PDB file of N, CA and C in Angstrom:
ATOM      1  N   MET A   1     115.070  96.390 110.272  1.00  0.00           N
ATOM      2  CA  MET A   1     113.849  96.870 110.918  1.00  0.00           C
ATOM      3  C   MET A   1     113.840  96.390 112.364  1.00  0.00           C
ATOM      4  N   LYS A   2     113.478  97.272 113.237  1.00  0.00           N
ATOM      5  CA  LYS A   2     113.454  96.954 114.653  1.00  0.00           C
ATOM      6  C   LYS A   2     112.019  96.599 115.052  1.00  0.00           C
ATOM      7  N   HIS A   3     111.823  95.323 115.355  1.00  0.00           N
ATOM      8  CA  HIS A   3     110.469  94.845 115.629  1.00  0.00           C
ATOM      9  C   HIS A   3     110.013  95.138 117.057  1.00  0.00           C
ATOM     10  N   TRP A   4     110.923  95.416 117.958  1.00  0.00           N
ATOM     11  CA  TRP A   4     110.505  95.601 119.342  1.00  0.00           C
ATOM     12  C   TRP A   4     109.733  96.896 119.542  1.00  0.00           C
ATOM     13  N   TYR A   5     109.833  97.824 118.626  1.00  0.00           N
ATOM     14  CA  TYR A   5     109.034  99.050 118.745  1.00  0.00           C
ATOM     15  C   TYR A   5     107.547  98.745 118.604  1.00  0.00           C
ATOM     16  N   TRP A   6     107.212  97.825 117.741  1.00  0.00           N
ATOM     17  CA  TRP A   6     105.797  97.477 117.539  1.00  0.00           C
ATOM     18  C   TRP A   6     105.263  96.731 118.751  1.00  0.00           C
ATOM     19  N   ILE A   7     106.117  95.921 119.356  1.00  0.00           N
ATOM     20  CA  ILE A   7     105.719  95.229 120.582  1.00  0.00           C
ATOM     21  C   ILE A   7     105.469  96.257 121.690  1.00  0.00           C
ATOM     22  N   LEU A   8     106.306  97.271 121.757  1.00  0.00           N
ATOM     23  CA  LEU A   8     106.131  98.333 122.742  1.00  0.00           C
ATOM     24  C   LEU A   8     104.837  99.112 122.488  1.00  0.00           C
ATOM     25  N   ASP A   9     104.536  99.411 121.230  1.00  0.00           N
ATOM     26  CA  ASP A   9     103.296 100.117 120.900  1.00  0.00           C
ATOM     27  C   ASP A   9     102.076  99.303 121.325  1.00  0.00           C
ATOM     28  N   VAL A  10     102.084  98.015 121.038  1.00  0.00           N
ATOM     29  CA  VAL A  10     100.965  97.145 121.408  1.00  0.00           C
ATOM     30  C   VAL A  10     100.853  97.062 122.933  1.00  0.00           C
ATOM     31  N   ALA A  11     101.989  96.979 123.613  1.00  0.00           N
ATOM     32  CA  ALA A  11     101.970  96.924 125.078  1.00  0.00           C
ATOM     33  C   ALA A  11     101.381  98.200 125.679  1.00  0.00           C
ATOM     34  N   VAL A  12     101.687  99.345 125.082  1.00  0.00           N
ATOM     35  CA  VAL A  12     101.133 100.610 125.568  1.00  0.00           C
ATOM     36  C   VAL A  12      99.620 100.639 125.365  1.00  0.00           C
ATOM     37  N   VAL A  13      99.155 100.213 124.199  1.00  0.00           N
ATOM     38  CA  VAL A  13      97.707 100.180 123.938  1.00  0.00           C
ATOM     39  C   VAL A  13      97.015  99.233 124.918  1.00  0.00           C
ATOM     40  N   LEU A  14      97.599  98.059 125.147  1.00  0.00           N
ATOM     41  CA  LEU A  14      96.992  97.112 126.087  1.00  0.00           C
ATOM     42  C   LEU A  14      96.988  97.653 127.514  1.00  0.00           C
ATOM     43  N   SER A  15      98.036  98.361 127.903  1.00  0.00           N
ATOM     44  CA  SER A  15      98.063  98.921 129.257  1.00  0.00           C
ATOM     45  C   SER A  15      96.996 100.004 129.423  1.00  0.00           C
ATOM     46  N   PHE A  16      96.794 100.812 128.402  1.00  0.00           N
ATOM     47  CA  PHE A  16      95.722 101.807 128.471  1.00  0.00           C
ATOM     48  C   PHE A  16      94.349 101.142 128.502  1.00  0.00           C
ATOM     49  N   ALA A  17      94.206 100.018 127.829  1.00  0.00           N
ATOM     50  CA  ALA A  17      92.938  99.283 127.881  1.00  0.00           C
ATOM     51  C   ALA A  17      92.687  98.747 129.286  1.00  0.00           C
ATOM     52  N   VAL A  18      93.724  98.242 129.936  1.00  0.00           N
ATOM     53  CA  VAL A  18      93.587  97.764 131.314  1.00  0.00           C
ATOM     54  C   VAL A  18      93.191  98.915 132.229  1.00  0.00           C
ATOM     55  N   VAL A  19      93.834 100.059 132.064  1.00  0.00           N
ATOM     56  CA  VAL A  19      93.485 101.236 132.873  1.00  0.00           C
ATOM     57  C   VAL A  19      92.036 101.641 132.618  1.00  0.00           C
ATOM     58  N   GLY A  20      91.610 101.596 131.359  1.00  0.00           N
ATOM     59  CA  GLY A  20      90.228 101.939 131.025  1.00  0.00           C
ATOM     60  C   GLY A  20      89.230 100.986 131.647  1.00  0.00           C
ATOM     61  N   VAL A  21      89.531  99.708 131.620  1.00  0.00           N
ATOM     62  CA  VAL A  21      88.645  98.711 132.221  1.00  0.00           C
ATOM     63  C   VAL A  21      88.545  98.947 133.725  1.00  0.00           C
ATOM     64  N   LEU A  22      89.674  99.171 134.370  1.00  0.00           N
ATOM     65  CA  LEU A  22      89.667  99.392 135.817  1.00  0.00           C
ATOM     66  C   LEU A  22      89.002 100.723 136.177  1.00  0.00           C
ATOM     67  N   ASP A  23      89.219 101.741 135.364  1.00  0.00           N
ATOM     68  CA  ASP A  23      88.653 103.058 135.637  1.00  0.00           C
ATOM     69  C   ASP A  23      87.132 103.050 135.559  1.00  0.00           C
ATOM     70  N   HIS A  24      86.586 102.251 134.661  1.00  0.00           N
ATOM     71  CA  HIS A  24      85.137 102.180 134.510  1.00  0.00           C
ATOM     72  C   HIS A  24      84.494 101.185 135.467  1.00  0.00           C
ATOM     73  N   GLY A  25      85.318 100.527 136.284  1.00  0.00           N
ATOM     74  CA  GLY A  25      84.782  99.618 137.289  1.00  0.00           C
ATOM     75  C   GLY A  25      84.348  98.273 136.750  1.00  0.00           C
ATOM     76  N   TRP A  26      84.818  97.920 135.569  1.00  0.00           N
ATOM     77  CA  TRP A  26      84.464  96.622 135.012  1.00  0.00           C
ATOM     78  C   TRP A  26      85.387  95.558 135.567  1.00  0.00           C
ATOM     79  N   GLU A  27      84.955  94.326 135.451  1.00  0.00           N
ATOM     80  CA  GLU A  27      85.760  93.210 135.926  1.00  0.00           C
ATOM     81  C   GLU A  27      86.951  93.010 134.988  1.00  0.00           C
ATOM     82  N   LEU A  28      88.114  92.799 135.558  1.00  0.00           N
ATOM     83  CA  LEU A  28      89.341  92.670 134.782  1.00  0.00           C
ATOM     84  C   LEU A  28      89.438  91.257 134.206  1.00  0.00           C
ATOM     85  N   LYS A  29      88.990  91.111 132.963  1.00  0.00           N
ATOM     86  CA  LYS A  29      89.052  89.837 132.248  1.00  0.00           C
ATOM     87  C   LYS A  29      89.669  90.087 130.885  1.00  0.00           C
ATOM     88  N   TRP A  30      90.258  89.048 130.320  1.00  0.00           N
ATOM     89  CA  TRP A  30      90.900  89.181 129.008  1.00  0.00           C
ATOM     90  C   TRP A  30      89.912  89.604 127.933  1.00  0.00           C
ATOM     91  N   LEU A  31      88.684  89.123 128.016  1.00  0.00           N
ATOM     92  CA  LEU A  31      87.680  89.479 127.018  1.00  0.00           C
ATOM     93  C   LEU A  31      87.357  90.978 127.077  1.00  0.00           C
ATOM     94  N   GLY A  32      87.253  91.515 128.268  1.00  0.00           N
ATOM     95  CA  GLY A  32      86.980  92.940 128.418  1.00  0.00           C
ATOM     96  C   GLY A  32      88.131  93.800 127.935  1.00  0.00           C
ATOM     97  N   ILE A  33      89.352  93.362 128.239  1.00  0.00           N
ATOM     98  CA  ILE A  33      90.532  94.095 127.786  1.00  0.00           C
ATOM     99  C   ILE A  33      90.612  94.047 126.265  1.00  0.00           C
ATOM    100  N   GLY A  34      90.373  92.887 125.698  1.00  0.00           N
ATOM    101  CA  GLY A  34      90.404  92.744 124.239  1.00  0.00           C
ATOM    102  C   GLY A  34      89.330  93.572 123.560  1.00  0.00           C
ATOM    103  N   ARG A  35      88.173  93.631 124.190  1.00  0.00           N
ATOM    104  CA  ARG A  35      87.066  94.404 123.629  1.00  0.00           C
ATOM    105  C   ARG A  35      87.392  95.898 123.586  1.00  0.00           C
ATOM    106  N   ILE A  36      88.066  96.382 124.609  1.00  0.00           N
ATOM    107  CA  ILE A  36      88.454  97.797 124.662  1.00  0.00           C
ATOM    108  C   ILE A  36      89.652  98.061 123.747  1.00  0.00           C
ATOM    109  N   ALA A  37      90.614  97.147 123.724  1.00  0.00           N
ATOM    110  CA  ALA A  37      91.862  97.375 122.993  1.00  0.00           C
ATOM    111  C   ALA A  37      91.738  97.177 121.489  1.00  0.00           C
ATOM    112  N   THR A  38      90.811  96.359 121.027  1.00  0.00           N
ATOM    113  CA  THR A  38      90.724  96.013 119.606  1.00  0.00           C
ATOM    114  C   THR A  38      90.606  97.228 118.686  1.00  0.00           C
ATOM    115  N   PRO A  39      89.710  98.183 118.924  1.00  0.00           N
ATOM    116  CA  PRO A  39      89.636  99.331 118.016  1.00  0.00           C
ATOM    117  C   PRO A  39      90.932 100.149 117.983  1.00  0.00           C
ATOM    118  N   PHE A  40      91.594 100.246 119.121  1.00  0.00           N
ATOM    119  CA  PHE A  40      92.845 101.006 119.177  1.00  0.00           C
ATOM    120  C   PHE A  40      93.980 100.263 118.485  1.00  0.00           C
ATOM    121  N   LEU A  41      93.990  98.941 118.588  1.00  0.00           N
ATOM    122  CA  LEU A  41      94.997  98.156 117.878  1.00  0.00           C
ATOM    123  C   LEU A  41      94.787  98.227 116.366  1.00  0.00           C
ATOM    124  N   ILE A  42      93.532  98.237 115.941  1.00  0.00           N
ATOM    125  CA  ILE A  42      93.229  98.389 114.512  1.00  0.00           C
ATOM    126  C   ILE A  42      93.684  99.769 114.036  1.00  0.00           C
ATOM    127  N   ALA A  43      93.383 100.800 114.821  1.00  0.00           N
ATOM    128  CA  ALA A  43      93.810 102.157 114.461  1.00  0.00           C
ATOM    129  C   ALA A  43      95.332 102.270 114.454  1.00  0.00           C
ATOM    130  N   LEU A  44      96.004 101.591 115.374  1.00  0.00           N
ATOM    131  CA  LEU A  44      97.465 101.583 115.405  1.00  0.00           C
ATOM    132  C   LEU A  44      98.019 100.956 114.131  1.00  0.00           C
ATOM    133  N   ALA A  45      97.438  99.846 113.707  1.00  0.00           N
ATOM    134  CA  ALA A  45      97.887  99.187 112.476  1.00  0.00           C
ATOM    135  C   ALA A  45      97.644 100.066 111.252  1.00  0.00           C
ATOM    136  N   ILE A  46      96.476 100.680 111.179  1.00  0.00           N
ATOM    137  CA  ILE A  46      96.158 101.561 110.053  1.00  0.00           C
ATOM    138  C   ILE A  46      97.095 102.767 110.040  1.00  0.00           C
ATOM    139  N   GLY A  47      97.330 103.345 111.210  1.00  0.00           N
ATOM    140  CA  GLY A  47      98.226 104.494 111.302  1.00  0.00           C
ATOM    141  C   GLY A  47      99.655 104.137 110.934  1.00  0.00           C
ATOM    142  N   THR A  48     100.109 102.968 111.348  1.00  0.00           N
ATOM    143  CA  THR A  48     101.459 102.517 111.014  1.00  0.00           C
ATOM    144  C   THR A  48     101.623 102.388 109.516  1.00  0.00           C
ATOM    145  N   ILE A  49     100.624 101.839 108.861  1.00  0.00           N
ATOM    146  CA  ILE A  49     100.671 101.689 107.405  1.00  0.00           C
ATOM    147  C   ILE A  49     100.552 103.052 106.721  1.00  0.00           C
ATOM    148  N   ALA A  50      99.683 103.902 107.247  1.00  0.00           N
ATOM    149  CA  ALA A  50      99.425 105.197 106.608  1.00  0.00           C
ATOM    150  C   ALA A  50     100.655 106.105 106.610  1.00  0.00           C
ATOM    151  N   ILE A  51     101.403 106.111 107.697  1.00  0.00           N
ATOM    152  CA  ILE A  51     102.555 107.013 107.762  1.00  0.00           C
ATOM    153  C   ILE A  51     103.880 106.292 107.518  1.00  0.00           C
ATOM    154  N   LYS A  52     103.795 105.010 107.180  1.00  0.00           N
ATOM    155  CA  LYS A  52     104.992 104.183 106.936  1.00  0.00           C
ATOM    156  C   LYS A  52     105.965 104.305 108.112  1.00  0.00           C
ATOM    157  N   ALA A  53     105.445 104.035 109.294  1.00  0.00           N
ATOM    158  CA  ALA A  53     106.210 104.223 110.524  1.00  0.00           C
ATOM    159  C   ALA A  53     107.422 103.309 110.628  1.00  0.00           C
ATOM    160  N   TRP A  54     107.453 102.231 109.893  1.00  0.00           N
ATOM    161  CA  TRP A  54     108.586 101.313 109.960  1.00  0.00           C
ATOM    162  C   TRP A  54     109.849 101.915 109.351  1.00  0.00           C
ATOM    163  N   GLN A  55     109.716 102.968 108.552  1.00  0.00           N
ATOM    164  CA  GLN A  55     110.889 103.583 107.943  1.00  0.00           C
ATOM    165  C   GLN A  55     111.700 104.382 108.960  1.00  0.00           C
ATOM    166  N   LYS A  56     111.033 105.034 109.894  1.00  0.00           N
ATOM    167  CA  LYS A  56     111.707 105.787 110.957  1.00  0.00           C
ATOM    168  C   LYS A  56     111.016 105.470 112.282  1.00  0.00           C
ATOM    169  N   PRO A  57     111.305 104.303 112.863  1.00  0.00           N
ATOM    170  CA  PRO A  57     110.568 103.894 114.065  1.00  0.00           C
ATOM    171  C   PRO A  57     110.884 104.714 115.306  1.00  0.00           C
ATOM    172  N   ILE A  58     111.993 105.438 115.322  1.00  0.00           N
ATOM    173  CA  ILE A  58     112.366 106.192 116.511  1.00  0.00           C
ATOM    174  C   ILE A  58     111.989 107.669 116.385  1.00  0.00           C
ATOM    175  N   SER A  59     111.436 108.081 115.266  1.00  0.00           N
ATOM    176  CA  SER A  59     111.103 109.480 115.017  1.00  0.00           C
ATOM    177  C   SER A  59     110.032 109.976 115.987  1.00  0.00           C
ATOM    178  N   LEU A  60     110.319 111.089 116.634  1.00  0.00           N
ATOM    179  CA  LEU A  60     109.366 111.685 117.568  1.00  0.00           C
ATOM    180  C   LEU A  60     108.118 112.182 116.838  1.00  0.00           C
ATOM    181  N   VAL A  61     108.301 112.714 115.641  1.00  0.00           N
ATOM    182  CA  VAL A  61     107.164 113.194 114.846  1.00  0.00           C
ATOM    183  C   VAL A  61     106.265 112.020 114.466  1.00  0.00           C
ATOM    184  N   ASN A  62     106.870 110.926 113.996  1.00  0.00           N
ATOM    185  CA  ASN A  62     106.078 109.738 113.661  1.00  0.00           C
ATOM    186  C   ASN A  62     105.323 109.223 114.885  1.00  0.00           C
ATOM    187  N   GLY A  63     105.984 109.236 116.035  1.00  0.00           N
ATOM    188  CA  GLY A  63     105.329 108.770 117.258  1.00  0.00           C
ATOM    189  C   GLY A  63     104.139 109.630 117.638  1.00  0.00           C
ATOM    190  N   ALA A  64     104.291 110.943 117.512  1.00  0.00           N
ATOM    191  CA  ALA A  64     103.190 111.850 117.850  1.00  0.00           C
ATOM    192  C   ALA A  64     102.018 111.669 116.882  1.00  0.00           C
ATOM    193  N   ILE A  65     102.325 111.582 115.593  1.00  0.00           N
ATOM    194  CA  ILE A  65     101.270 111.387 114.589  1.00  0.00           C
ATOM    195  C   ILE A  65     100.578 110.045 114.804  1.00  0.00           C
ATOM    196  N   LEU A  66     101.369 109.014 115.061  1.00  0.00           N
ATOM    197  CA  LEU A  66     100.798 107.684 115.274  1.00  0.00           C
ATOM    198  C   LEU A  66      99.943 107.655 116.536  1.00  0.00           C
ATOM    199  N   GLY A  67     100.348 108.382 117.558  1.00  0.00           N
ATOM    200  CA  GLY A  67      99.547 108.461 118.782  1.00  0.00           C
ATOM    201  C   GLY A  67      98.207 109.122 118.540  1.00  0.00           C
ATOM    202  N   VAL A  68      98.204 110.214 117.768  1.00  0.00           N
ATOM    203  CA  VAL A  68      96.961 110.910 117.452  1.00  0.00           C
ATOM    204  C   VAL A  68      96.047 110.020 116.599  1.00  0.00           C
ATOM    205  N   ILE A  69      96.625 109.351 115.616  1.00  0.00           N
ATOM    206  CA  ILE A  69      95.833 108.455 114.761  1.00  0.00           C
ATOM    207  C   ILE A  69      95.257 107.310 115.580  1.00  0.00           C
ATOM    208  N   THR A  70      96.076 106.740 116.471  1.00  0.00           N
ATOM    209  CA  THR A  70      95.616 105.616 117.292  1.00  0.00           C
ATOM    210  C   THR A  70      94.479 106.041 118.226  1.00  0.00           C
ATOM    211  N   LEU A  71      94.655 107.161 118.883  1.00  0.00           N
ATOM    212  CA  LEU A  71      93.619 107.632 119.814  1.00  0.00           C
ATOM    213  C   LEU A  71      92.350 108.023 119.060  1.00  0.00           C
ATOM    214  N   GLY A  72      92.501 108.848 118.034  1.00  0.00           N
ATOM    215  CA  GLY A  72      91.319 109.284 117.276  1.00  0.00           C
ATOM    216  C   GLY A  72      90.623 108.147 116.569  1.00  0.00           C
ATOM    217  N   GLY A  73      91.390 107.310 115.890  1.00  0.00           N
ATOM    218  CA  GLY A  73      90.802 106.174 115.170  1.00  0.00           C
ATOM    219  C   GLY A  73      90.162 105.178 116.113  1.00  0.00           C
ATOM    220  N   GLY A  74      90.811 104.913 117.243  1.00  0.00           N
ATOM    221  CA  GLY A  74      90.248 103.984 118.217  1.00  0.00           C
ATOM    222  C   GLY A  74      88.952 104.493 118.805  1.00  0.00           C
ATOM    223  N   MET A  75      88.881 105.792 119.072  1.00  0.00           N
ATOM    224  CA  MET A  75      87.646 106.366 119.604  1.00  0.00           C
ATOM    225  C   MET A  75      86.525 106.335 118.571  1.00  0.00           C
ATOM    226  N   LEU A  76      86.886 106.563 117.303  1.00  0.00           N
ATOM    227  CA  LEU A  76      85.866 106.519 116.250  1.00  0.00           C
ATOM    228  C   LEU A  76      85.354 105.102 116.018  1.00  0.00           C
ATOM    229  N   LEU A  77      86.251 104.140 116.088  1.00  0.00           N
ATOM    230  CA  LEU A  77      85.824 102.749 115.885  1.00  0.00           C
ATOM    231  C   LEU A  77      84.996 102.279 117.069  1.00  0.00           C
TER     232      LEU A  77
END
């Protein structure tokens, strides 16, 4: 199993959280980034488990599905 893919997924979610914090004009603090990123990280974990993404971590289809689950689930949370 290649663990660096999950690190990359988390890094992408955190970078989008930083962009969101800056875009809304909030002060760039770890608490604010964590507050924005937490629902998306939870959705990423749920999506990873739901589609068993660890079986094919490089699959483009898995990546697209996981992206949709992460975005939709994070927005709902």
